[in-house]
């Protein structure tokens, strides 16, 4: 098979590439058409205005009505940065953070002490149980020295439960 070459894609001229100004009534009419359910893509092709611009008009009309479409051209206003805090506010914030950090450290130390006490109690219980198991083991060994395991009363010869 030979090498296939791609056909160059036909590029359409950029829709709305020049800056045009539209009066408020025109924008309101377009926004109403979009809100009525017309396709943004079809409307964009018909009016030769970028789809994003049309949707921006629609959203502005939806939020603020016709007054929302009367914005000055250029970059939309954004959120402004809050003013830098003064030295007193910065010091107060640092003190609050230090106090919070100290409280967290104290809580951590209390938790560590509680867990250490718990470990100590568990160690005492483990020692007790080890000694108890050792005694039970020693009591269970026959003292006769024969090494045979002892019988319980139920299975001993002459027991009442014996089959006849």
N, C-alpha and C. Protein backbone atom coordinates (compact mmCIF):
# COMPACT_ATOMS: atom_id res chain seq x y z
N UNK A 1 0.83 -1.17 0.00
CA UNK A 1 0.00 0.00 0.00
C UNK A 1 0.88 1.24 0.00
N UNK A 2 0.52 2.15 -0.83
CA UNK A 2 1.28 3.39 -0.94
C UNK A 2 0.98 4.34 0.21
N UNK A 3 1.81 5.30 0.33
CA UNK A 3 1.65 6.29 1.40
C UNK A 3 0.48 7.21 1.04
N UNK A 4 -0.43 7.33 1.99
CA UNK A 4 -1.59 8.19 1.75
C UNK A 4 -1.29 9.58 2.27
N UNK A 5 -1.64 10.54 1.50
CA UNK A 5 -1.44 11.92 1.94
C UNK A 5 -2.78 12.51 2.32
N UNK A 6 -2.74 13.33 3.32
CA UNK A 6 -3.98 13.97 3.76
C UNK A 6 -4.27 15.16 2.87
N UNK A 7 -5.53 15.31 2.61
CA UNK A 7 -5.93 16.48 1.85
C UNK A 7 -5.90 17.69 2.77
N UNK A 8 -5.44 18.81 2.27
CA UNK A 8 -5.45 19.99 3.13
C UNK A 8 -6.89 20.37 3.47
N UNK A 9 -7.09 20.66 4.75
CA UNK A 9 -8.42 21.00 5.21
C UNK A 9 -8.80 22.40 4.77
N UNK A 10 -10.00 22.52 4.31
CA UNK A 10 -10.49 23.82 3.88
C UNK A 10 -10.81 24.64 5.12
N UNK A 11 -10.18 25.74 5.26
CA UNK A 11 -10.43 26.58 6.43
C UNK A 11 -11.39 27.69 6.05
N UNK A 12 -12.39 27.78 6.87
CA UNK A 12 -13.34 28.86 6.63
C UNK A 12 -12.80 30.12 7.30
N UNK A 13 -13.11 31.26 6.74
CA UNK A 13 -12.64 32.49 7.39
C UNK A 13 -13.23 32.58 8.78
N UNK A 14 -12.49 33.15 9.69
CA UNK A 14 -12.93 33.26 11.07
C UNK A 14 -14.19 34.09 11.16
N UNK A 15 -15.17 33.51 11.79
CA UNK A 15 -16.44 34.21 11.92
C UNK A 15 -16.28 35.33 12.94
N UNK A 16 -16.65 36.49 12.57
CA UNK A 16 -16.61 37.63 13.49
C UNK A 16 -15.20 38.05 13.86
N UNK A 17 -14.27 37.92 12.94
CA UNK A 17 -12.88 38.22 13.28
C UNK A 17 -12.63 39.72 13.40
N UNK A 18 -13.47 40.54 12.79
CA UNK A 18 -13.31 41.99 12.94
C UNK A 18 -14.20 42.46 14.08
N UNK A 19 -13.75 43.51 14.75
CA UNK A 19 -14.55 44.02 15.86
C UNK A 19 -15.71 44.84 15.32
N UNK A 20 -16.86 44.37 15.68
CA UNK A 20 -18.06 45.12 15.30
C UNK A 20 -18.80 45.51 16.56
N UNK A 21 -19.52 46.60 16.48
CA UNK A 21 -20.30 47.03 17.64
C UNK A 21 -21.77 46.87 17.30
N UNK A 22 -22.48 46.36 18.25
CA UNK A 22 -23.91 46.11 18.06
C UNK A 22 -24.67 46.92 19.09
N UNK A 23 -25.79 47.47 18.68
CA UNK A 23 -26.56 48.23 19.64
C UNK A 23 -27.32 47.29 20.56
N UNK A 24 -27.80 47.84 21.64
CA UNK A 24 -28.43 47.05 22.69
C UNK A 24 -29.68 46.32 22.18
N UNK A 25 -30.47 46.94 21.35
CA UNK A 25 -31.69 46.31 20.85
C UNK A 25 -31.37 45.06 20.03
N UNK A 26 -30.30 45.12 19.23
CA UNK A 26 -29.90 43.98 18.41
C UNK A 26 -29.48 42.82 19.32
N UNK A 27 -28.70 43.12 20.36
CA UNK A 27 -28.25 42.08 21.29
C UNK A 27 -29.43 41.45 22.02
N UNK A 28 -30.39 42.28 22.41
CA UNK A 28 -31.58 41.76 23.10
C UNK A 28 -32.33 40.81 22.18
N UNK A 29 -32.48 41.19 20.91
CA UNK A 29 -33.20 40.35 19.96
C UNK A 29 -32.50 39.00 19.78
N UNK A 30 -31.17 39.03 19.68
CA UNK A 30 -30.41 37.78 19.52
C UNK A 30 -30.53 36.93 20.78
N UNK A 31 -30.41 37.55 21.96
CA UNK A 31 -30.51 36.81 23.22
C UNK A 31 -31.89 36.16 23.35
N UNK A 32 -32.93 36.87 22.94
CA UNK A 32 -34.28 36.31 23.00
C UNK A 32 -34.43 35.13 22.06
N UNK A 33 -33.80 35.20 20.89
CA UNK A 33 -33.86 34.08 19.95
C UNK A 33 -33.18 32.84 20.55
N UNK A 34 -32.04 33.05 21.21
CA UNK A 34 -31.36 31.93 21.85
C UNK A 34 -32.20 31.35 22.98
N UNK A 35 -32.81 32.23 23.77
CA UNK A 35 -33.64 31.77 24.88
C UNK A 35 -34.90 31.07 24.37
N UNK A 36 -35.33 31.42 23.18
CA UNK A 36 -36.50 30.78 22.59
C UNK A 36 -36.18 29.37 22.09
N UNK A 37 -34.89 29.03 22.03
CA UNK A 37 -34.53 27.67 21.66
C UNK A 37 -33.82 27.52 20.33
N UNK A 38 -33.51 28.61 19.67
CA UNK A 38 -32.78 28.50 18.40
C UNK A 38 -31.37 28.00 18.67
N UNK A 39 -30.82 27.29 17.72
CA UNK A 39 -29.47 26.74 17.84
C UNK A 39 -28.43 27.86 17.80
N UNK A 40 -27.50 27.80 18.75
CA UNK A 40 -26.44 28.80 18.80
C UNK A 40 -25.53 28.70 17.59
N UNK A 41 -25.28 27.48 17.12
CA UNK A 41 -24.42 27.28 15.96
C UNK A 41 -25.04 27.87 14.70
N UNK A 42 -26.32 27.58 14.49
CA UNK A 42 -27.00 28.10 13.30
C UNK A 42 -27.09 29.62 13.35
N UNK A 43 -27.39 30.13 14.52
CA UNK A 43 -27.51 31.58 14.68
C UNK A 43 -26.15 32.25 14.45
N UNK A 44 -25.09 31.59 14.91
CA UNK A 44 -23.74 32.12 14.71
C UNK A 44 -23.40 32.20 13.23
N UNK A 45 -23.75 31.16 12.50
CA UNK A 45 -23.47 31.17 11.05
C UNK A 45 -24.29 32.23 10.33
N UNK A 46 -25.55 32.31 10.72
CA UNK A 46 -26.45 33.26 10.07
C UNK A 46 -26.00 34.69 10.30
N UNK A 47 -25.65 35.02 11.54
CA UNK A 47 -25.32 36.40 11.87
C UNK A 47 -23.83 36.70 11.74
N UNK A 48 -23.03 35.66 11.55
CA UNK A 48 -21.58 35.76 11.47
C UNK A 48 -21.00 36.43 12.72
N UNK A 49 -21.44 35.91 13.83
CA UNK A 49 -20.95 36.33 15.15
C UNK A 49 -20.54 35.07 15.89
N UNK A 50 -19.42 35.11 16.57
CA UNK A 50 -18.94 33.93 17.28
C UNK A 50 -19.97 33.43 18.27
N UNK A 51 -20.05 32.11 18.36
CA UNK A 51 -21.02 31.48 19.23
C UNK A 51 -20.81 31.89 20.69
N UNK A 52 -19.56 31.98 21.12
CA UNK A 52 -19.26 32.38 22.51
C UNK A 52 -19.81 33.75 22.83
N UNK A 53 -19.74 34.65 21.86
CA UNK A 53 -20.27 36.00 22.05
C UNK A 53 -21.79 35.94 22.21
N UNK A 54 -22.42 35.12 21.38
CA UNK A 54 -23.88 35.00 21.47
C UNK A 54 -24.31 34.45 22.83
N UNK A 55 -23.59 33.44 23.29
CA UNK A 55 -23.94 32.86 24.59
C UNK A 55 -23.65 33.84 25.73
N UNK A 56 -22.62 34.66 25.57
CA UNK A 56 -22.34 35.68 26.58
C UNK A 56 -23.50 36.68 26.64
N UNK A 57 -24.01 37.08 25.48
CA UNK A 57 -25.15 37.99 25.44
C UNK A 57 -26.35 37.35 26.11
N UNK A 58 -26.57 36.07 25.79
CA UNK A 58 -27.73 35.37 26.36
C UNK A 58 -27.62 35.34 27.88
N UNK A 59 -26.45 35.00 28.40
CA UNK A 59 -26.27 34.90 29.85
C UNK A 59 -26.42 36.26 30.52
N UNK A 60 -25.87 37.30 29.90
CA UNK A 60 -25.99 38.64 30.47
C UNK A 60 -27.45 39.08 30.48
N UNK A 61 -28.17 38.76 29.41
CA UNK A 61 -29.59 39.13 29.34
C UNK A 61 -30.39 38.36 30.40
N UNK A 62 -30.03 37.10 30.58
CA UNK A 62 -30.72 36.27 31.55
C UNK A 62 -30.51 36.81 32.98
N UNK A 63 -29.30 37.26 33.28
CA UNK A 63 -28.98 37.71 34.64
C UNK A 63 -29.48 39.12 34.94
N UNK A 64 -29.24 40.05 33.99
CA UNK A 64 -29.50 41.45 34.29
C UNK A 64 -30.50 42.10 33.35
N UNK A 65 -31.03 41.35 32.43
CA UNK A 65 -31.95 41.94 31.48
C UNK A 65 -31.20 42.75 30.44
N UNK A 66 -31.89 43.72 29.84
CA UNK A 66 -31.29 44.54 28.78
C UNK A 66 -30.10 45.35 29.29
N UNK A 67 -30.12 45.71 30.57
CA UNK A 67 -29.02 46.49 31.14
C UNK A 67 -27.72 45.69 31.12
N UNK A 68 -27.79 44.38 31.20
CA UNK A 68 -26.60 43.54 31.18
C UNK A 68 -25.89 43.55 29.84
N UNK A 69 -26.59 43.97 28.79
CA UNK A 69 -26.00 44.00 27.45
C UNK A 69 -25.41 45.36 27.11
N UNK A 70 -25.37 46.24 28.05
CA UNK A 70 -24.90 47.60 27.81
C UNK A 70 -23.47 47.81 28.32
N UNK A 71 -22.72 46.74 28.49
CA UNK A 71 -21.36 46.81 29.02
C UNK A 71 -20.41 47.44 28.02
N UNK A 72 -19.41 48.11 28.54
CA UNK A 72 -18.39 48.72 27.68
C UNK A 72 -17.56 47.63 27.00
N UNK A 73 -17.08 47.86 25.79
CA UNK A 73 -16.26 46.85 25.11
C UNK A 73 -14.92 46.68 25.82
N UNK A 74 -14.34 45.54 25.65
CA UNK A 74 -13.04 45.25 26.26
C UNK A 74 -13.14 44.10 27.23
N UNK A 75 -12.11 43.93 27.98
CA UNK A 75 -12.05 42.82 28.92
C UNK A 75 -13.13 42.99 29.98
N UNK A 76 -13.87 41.91 30.28
CA UNK A 76 -14.91 42.02 31.31
C UNK A 76 -14.30 42.26 32.68
N UNK A 77 -15.02 43.00 33.50
CA UNK A 77 -14.48 43.28 34.83
C UNK A 77 -14.35 41.99 35.64
N UNK A 78 -13.25 41.85 36.33
CA UNK A 78 -13.02 40.65 37.12
C UNK A 78 -13.00 40.99 38.59
N UNK A 79 -12.69 39.98 39.37
CA UNK A 79 -12.59 40.20 40.81
C UNK A 79 -11.28 40.92 41.10
N UNK A 80 -11.35 41.85 41.98
CA UNK A 80 -10.14 42.57 42.36
C UNK A 80 -9.53 41.89 43.57
N UNK A 81 -8.23 42.00 43.67
CA UNK A 81 -7.54 41.42 44.80
C UNK A 81 -7.84 42.24 46.05
N UNK A 82 -7.97 41.57 47.18
CA UNK A 82 -8.22 42.32 48.41
C UNK A 82 -6.96 43.11 48.78
N UNK A 83 -7.13 44.22 49.47
CA UNK A 83 -5.95 45.02 49.86
C UNK A 83 -5.06 44.21 50.80
N UNK A 84 -3.79 44.52 50.77
CA UNK A 84 -2.82 43.82 51.63
C UNK A 84 -3.16 44.11 53.09
N UNK A 85 -3.09 43.10 53.95
CA UNK A 85 -3.43 43.32 55.36
C UNK A 85 -2.37 44.20 56.03
N UNK A 86 -2.83 44.98 57.02
CA UNK A 86 -1.89 45.83 57.74
C UNK A 86 -1.11 44.98 58.75
N UNK A 87 -0.13 45.56 59.37
CA UNK A 87 0.77 44.83 60.27
C UNK A 87 0.02 44.26 61.47
N UNK A 88 -0.94 45.02 62.01
CA UNK A 88 -1.69 44.54 63.18
C UNK A 88 -2.52 43.32 62.83
N UNK A 89 -3.19 43.36 61.69
CA UNK A 89 -4.02 42.23 61.29
C UNK A 89 -3.15 41.00 61.02
N UNK A 90 -1.99 41.23 60.41
CA UNK A 90 -1.07 40.13 60.15
C UNK A 90 -0.57 39.52 61.45
N UNK A 91 -0.23 40.35 62.43
CA UNK A 91 0.24 39.86 63.73
C UNK A 91 -0.86 39.07 64.44
N UNK A 92 -2.09 39.58 64.38
CA UNK A 92 -3.21 38.89 65.01
C UNK A 92 -3.44 37.53 64.37
N UNK A 93 -3.33 37.46 63.06
CA UNK A 93 -3.50 36.20 62.35
C UNK A 93 -2.42 35.21 62.74
N UNK A 94 -1.18 35.70 62.85
CA UNK A 94 -0.07 34.83 63.24
C UNK A 94 -0.24 34.33 64.67
N UNK A 95 -0.73 35.20 65.59
CA UNK A 95 -0.96 34.78 66.96
C UNK A 95 -2.05 33.73 67.04
N UNK A 96 -3.11 33.91 66.26
CA UNK A 96 -4.19 32.93 66.25
C UNK A 96 -3.69 31.59 65.73
N UNK A 97 -2.87 31.63 64.69
CA UNK A 97 -2.33 30.39 64.14
C UNK A 97 -1.40 29.71 65.15
N UNK A 98 -0.60 30.49 65.88
CA UNK A 98 0.29 29.92 66.89
C UNK A 98 -0.51 29.30 68.02
N UNK A 99 -1.57 29.97 68.46
CA UNK A 99 -2.42 29.43 69.53
C UNK A 99 -3.09 28.14 69.08
N UNK A 100 -3.55 28.13 67.86
CA UNK A 100 -4.19 26.93 67.31
C UNK A 100 -3.18 25.79 67.23
N UNK A 101 -1.96 26.11 66.82
CA UNK A 101 -0.91 25.10 66.73
C UNK A 101 -0.55 24.56 68.11
N UNK A 102 -0.49 25.44 69.11
CA UNK A 102 -0.18 25.02 70.47
C UNK A 102 -1.28 24.12 71.02
N UNK A 103 -2.52 24.48 70.74
CA UNK A 103 -3.65 23.66 71.20
C UNK A 103 -3.61 22.28 70.54
N UNK A 104 -3.27 22.23 69.28
CA UNK A 104 -3.18 20.95 68.58
C UNK A 104 -2.04 20.11 69.14
N UNK A 105 -0.92 20.75 69.49
CA UNK A 105 0.21 20.03 70.07
C UNK A 105 -0.16 19.48 71.44
N UNK A 106 -0.86 20.27 72.27
CA UNK A 106 -1.27 19.80 73.59
C UNK A 106 -2.23 18.62 73.47
N UNK A 107 -3.15 18.69 72.52
CA UNK A 107 -4.09 17.59 72.29
C UNK A 107 -3.34 16.33 71.86
N UNK A 108 -2.34 16.51 71.03
CA UNK A 108 -1.54 15.35 70.58
C UNK A 108 -0.79 14.73 71.75
N UNK A 109 -0.23 15.56 72.63
CA UNK A 109 0.48 15.03 73.80
C UNK A 109 -0.46 14.29 74.75
N UNK A 110 -1.67 14.82 74.94
CA UNK A 110 -2.67 14.12 75.77
C UNK A 110 -3.01 12.76 75.18
N UNK A 111 -3.17 12.72 73.87
CA UNK A 111 -3.51 11.46 73.19
C UNK A 111 -2.36 10.46 73.32
N UNK A 112 -1.12 10.93 73.20
CA UNK A 112 0.04 10.05 73.34
C UNK A 112 0.09 9.46 74.74
N UNK A 113 -0.14 10.30 75.79
CA UNK A 113 -0.12 9.82 77.17
C UNK A 113 -1.22 8.78 77.38
N UNK A 114 -2.41 9.02 76.83
CA UNK A 114 -3.52 8.09 76.96
C UNK A 114 -3.17 6.73 76.31
N UNK A 115 -2.57 6.77 75.14
CA UNK A 115 -2.21 5.54 74.46
C UNK A 115 -1.10 4.79 75.20
N UNK A 116 -0.14 5.53 75.81
CA UNK A 116 0.91 4.88 76.59
C UNK A 116 0.34 4.18 77.82
N UNK A 117 -0.66 4.81 78.48
CA UNK A 117 -1.32 4.17 79.62
C UNK A 117 -2.02 2.89 79.18
N UNK A 118 -2.67 2.95 78.04
CA UNK A 118 -3.38 1.79 77.52
C UNK A 118 -2.39 0.65 77.22
N UNK A 119 -1.25 0.98 76.65
CA UNK A 119 -0.23 -0.03 76.35
C UNK A 119 0.27 -0.65 77.65
N UNK A 120 0.44 0.16 78.69
CA UNK A 120 0.88 -0.35 79.99
C UNK A 120 -0.12 -1.33 80.57
N UNK A 121 -1.42 -0.99 80.52
CA UNK A 121 -2.47 -1.90 81.02
C UNK A 121 -2.45 -3.21 80.24
N UNK A 122 -2.30 -3.11 78.92
CA UNK A 122 -2.27 -4.32 78.10
C UNK A 122 -1.05 -5.18 78.42
N UNK A 123 0.09 -4.56 78.71
CA UNK A 123 1.28 -5.32 79.06
C UNK A 123 1.05 -6.08 80.36
N UNK A 124 0.39 -5.46 81.35
CA UNK A 124 0.10 -6.12 82.62
C UNK A 124 -0.83 -7.31 82.38
N UNK A 125 -1.86 -7.12 81.54
CA UNK A 125 -2.79 -8.21 81.23
C UNK A 125 -2.08 -9.37 80.54
N UNK A 126 -1.18 -9.05 79.61
CA UNK A 126 -0.44 -10.09 78.89
C UNK A 126 0.43 -10.88 79.86
N UNK A 127 1.11 -10.20 80.79
CA UNK A 127 1.94 -10.89 81.78
C UNK A 127 1.09 -11.82 82.64
N UNK A 128 -0.06 -11.31 83.08
CA UNK A 128 -0.96 -12.12 83.90
C UNK A 128 -1.40 -13.37 83.14
N UNK A 129 -1.82 -13.20 81.90
CA UNK A 129 -2.30 -14.34 81.11
C UNK A 129 -1.18 -15.34 80.83
N UNK A 130 0.02 -14.86 80.57
CA UNK A 130 1.15 -15.77 80.33
C UNK A 130 1.41 -16.63 81.56
N UNK A 131 1.40 -16.00 82.78
CA UNK A 131 1.61 -16.77 84.01
C UNK A 131 0.47 -17.75 84.23
N UNK A 132 -0.77 -17.32 83.94
CA UNK A 132 -1.92 -18.22 84.13
C UNK A 132 -1.83 -19.42 83.19
N UNK A 133 -1.48 -19.21 81.93
CA UNK A 133 -1.36 -20.32 80.98
C UNK A 133 -0.22 -21.26 81.38
N UNK A 134 0.83 -20.70 81.93
CA UNK A 134 1.96 -21.53 82.36
C UNK A 134 1.53 -22.45 83.50
N UNK A 135 0.77 -21.91 84.46
CA UNK A 135 0.28 -22.72 85.57
C UNK A 135 -0.68 -23.80 85.08
N UNK A 136 -1.59 -23.45 84.18
CA UNK A 136 -2.54 -24.42 83.66
C UNK A 136 -1.80 -25.54 82.95
N UNK A 137 -0.78 -25.20 82.23
CA UNK A 137 0.02 -26.19 81.50
C UNK A 137 0.72 -27.13 82.49
N UNK A 138 1.27 -26.56 83.56
CA UNK A 138 1.95 -27.38 84.56
C UNK A 138 0.98 -28.28 85.29
N UNK A 139 -0.21 -27.81 85.57
CA UNK A 139 -1.21 -28.62 86.28
C UNK A 139 -1.74 -29.75 85.42
N UNK A 140 -1.74 -29.59 84.12
CA UNK A 140 -2.28 -30.60 83.22
C UNK A 140 -1.33 -31.75 82.97
N UNK A 141 -0.06 -31.66 83.35
CA UNK A 141 0.90 -32.74 83.14
C UNK A 141 0.73 -33.81 84.23
N UNK A 142 0.83 -35.08 83.83
CA UNK A 142 0.74 -36.12 84.85
C UNK A 142 2.02 -36.14 85.70
N UNK A 143 1.87 -36.34 86.98
CA UNK A 143 3.03 -36.33 87.85
C UNK A 143 3.65 -37.72 88.00
N UNK A 144 3.00 -38.73 87.43
CA UNK A 144 3.48 -40.10 87.55
C UNK A 144 4.75 -40.34 86.78
N UNK A 145 5.03 -39.59 85.80
CA UNK A 145 6.25 -39.73 85.05
C UNK A 145 6.14 -40.71 83.91
N UNK A 146 5.03 -41.42 83.74
CA UNK A 146 4.94 -42.39 82.66
C UNK A 146 4.78 -41.71 81.30
N UNK A 147 4.33 -40.55 81.32
CA UNK A 147 4.16 -39.81 80.08
C UNK A 147 2.82 -40.03 79.43
N UNK A 148 2.03 -40.95 79.94
CA UNK A 148 0.71 -41.19 79.38
C UNK A 148 -0.22 -40.07 79.79
N UNK A 149 -1.15 -39.76 78.90
CA UNK A 149 -2.09 -38.69 79.24
C UNK A 149 -3.12 -39.22 80.20
N UNK A 150 -3.55 -38.39 81.09
CA UNK A 150 -4.53 -38.79 82.09
C UNK A 150 -5.92 -38.91 81.50
N UNK A 151 -6.78 -39.70 82.12
CA UNK A 151 -8.15 -39.87 81.65
C UNK A 151 -9.07 -38.99 82.47
N UNK A 152 -10.15 -38.60 81.84
CA UNK A 152 -11.15 -37.85 82.58
C UNK A 152 -12.07 -38.85 83.25
N UNK A 153 -12.90 -38.37 84.14
CA UNK A 153 -13.78 -39.26 84.90
C UNK A 153 -14.77 -39.97 83.99
N UNK A 154 -15.23 -39.36 82.96
CA UNK A 154 -16.24 -39.96 82.10
C UNK A 154 -15.69 -41.13 81.29
N UNK A 155 -14.43 -41.05 80.90
CA UNK A 155 -13.89 -42.11 80.06
C UNK A 155 -13.04 -43.10 80.85
N UNK A 156 -12.99 -42.97 82.13
CA UNK A 156 -12.19 -43.87 82.95
C UNK A 156 -12.81 -45.27 82.97
N UNK A 157 -11.98 -46.31 83.10
CA UNK A 157 -12.54 -47.68 83.18
C UNK A 157 -13.48 -47.79 84.35
N UNK A 158 -14.61 -48.45 84.14
CA UNK A 158 -15.60 -48.64 85.19
C UNK A 158 -16.52 -47.47 85.33
N UNK A 159 -16.49 -46.58 84.37
CA UNK A 159 -17.35 -45.41 84.43
C UNK A 159 -18.78 -45.80 84.14
N UNK A 160 -19.74 -45.04 84.64
CA UNK A 160 -21.17 -45.33 84.46
C UNK A 160 -21.59 -45.13 83.01
N UNK A 161 -20.86 -44.39 82.21
CA UNK A 161 -21.24 -44.11 80.85
C UNK A 161 -20.73 -45.16 79.88
N UNK A 162 -20.04 -46.15 80.38
CA UNK A 162 -19.45 -47.17 79.54
C UNK A 162 -20.51 -48.04 78.91
N UNK A 163 -20.34 -48.39 77.61
CA UNK A 163 -21.29 -49.26 76.92
C UNK A 163 -21.14 -50.67 77.46
N UNK A 164 -22.23 -51.36 77.59
CA UNK A 164 -22.17 -52.73 78.12
C UNK A 164 -22.46 -53.73 77.06
